[in-house]
Amino acid sequence: MLVVGTSLAVMPAASLLSYIDYDTPCALVDPEADSLSPPGVLAINTTAGEGVPALVNRWKQQGNLLLS
């Protein structure tokens, strides 16, 4: 799951991370991601405009969509 550009304060985005299985790869792209993301979520502390392209490039290099 990829959550982008949310402070996790507005529904439905605020509840998204509570609906996934613990073994589901998950990333949060937000300038405050470290303080917002629960354990096990990859925190990408930057804007969506910078973080999403960087994550896509990472996926292309890895050849998969894993977040680890």
Protein backbone atom coordinates (compact mmCIF):
# COMPACT_ATOMS: atom_id res chain seq x y z
CA MET A 1 0.00 0.00 0.00
CA LEU A 2 1.23 3.46 -0.82
CA VAL A 3 -0.20 6.40 1.12
CA VAL A 4 0.75 9.78 -0.33
CA GLY A 5 0.40 13.34 0.85
CA THR A 6 -1.83 12.96 3.85
CA SER A 7 -1.41 13.96 7.45
CA LEU A 8 -3.51 10.90 8.32
CA ALA A 9 -5.99 13.33 9.87
CA VAL A 10 -8.68 13.30 7.16
CA MET A 11 -10.96 10.34 6.49
CA PRO A 12 -10.72 7.95 4.75
CA ALA A 13 -6.93 8.34 4.58
CA ALA A 14 -6.69 8.48 8.37
CA SER A 15 -7.88 4.89 8.67
CA LEU A 16 -6.12 3.30 5.68
CA LEU A 17 -3.16 1.90 7.58
CA SER A 18 -5.42 0.18 10.12
CA TYR A 19 -7.01 -2.01 7.42
CA ILE A 20 -3.92 -3.72 6.04
CA ASP A 21 -2.31 -6.96 7.17
CA TYR A 22 0.92 -6.58 9.10
CA ASP A 23 2.86 -8.39 6.37
CA THR A 24 1.61 -6.04 3.61
CA PRO A 25 4.40 -3.77 2.36
CA CYS A 26 3.37 -0.19 3.07
CA ALA A 27 4.93 3.24 2.58
CA LEU A 28 3.85 6.69 3.67
CA VAL A 29 5.12 9.65 1.63
CA ASP A 30 4.74 12.85 3.64
CA PRO A 31 7.12 15.51 4.95
CA GLU A 32 6.17 14.38 8.46
CA ALA A 33 6.14 10.63 7.71
CA ASP A 34 8.43 9.69 10.63
CA SER A 35 6.00 11.07 13.17
CA LEU A 36 2.89 9.79 11.38
CA SER A 37 3.74 6.24 10.31
CA PRO A 38 3.14 3.29 12.61
CA PRO A 39 5.81 0.60 13.10
CA GLY A 40 6.53 -1.44 10.00
CA VAL A 41 5.58 1.33 7.57
CA LEU A 42 8.35 2.73 5.38
CA ALA A 43 8.46 6.46 6.14
CA ILE A 44 9.50 8.63 3.21
CA ASN A 45 10.01 12.11 4.63
CA THR A 46 9.51 14.36 1.64
CA THR A 47 6.82 15.84 -0.55
CA ALA A 48 4.73 13.68 -2.85
CA GLY A 49 6.33 15.41 -5.85
CA GLU A 50 9.77 14.20 -4.78
CA GLY A 51 8.98 10.99 -2.91
CA VAL A 52 6.72 9.21 -5.39
CA PRO A 53 9.10 9.49 -8.38
CA ALA A 54 11.98 8.35 -6.16
CA LEU A 55 9.96 5.34 -4.99
CA VAL A 56 8.96 4.45 -8.58
CA ASN A 57 12.62 4.61 -9.65
CA ARG A 58 13.54 2.36 -6.72
CA TRP A 59 10.87 -0.14 -7.79
CA LYS A 60 12.15 -0.08 -11.38
CA GLN A 61 15.71 -0.77 -10.22
CA GLN A 62 14.55 -3.62 -7.96
CA GLY A 63 12.29 -5.07 -10.62
CA ASN A 64 9.39 -5.35 -8.17
CA LEU A 65 7.02 -3.30 -6.07
CA LEU A 66 8.39 -4.27 -2.68
CA LEU A 67 8.90 -1.47 -0.21
CA SER A 68 11.77 -3.01 1.71
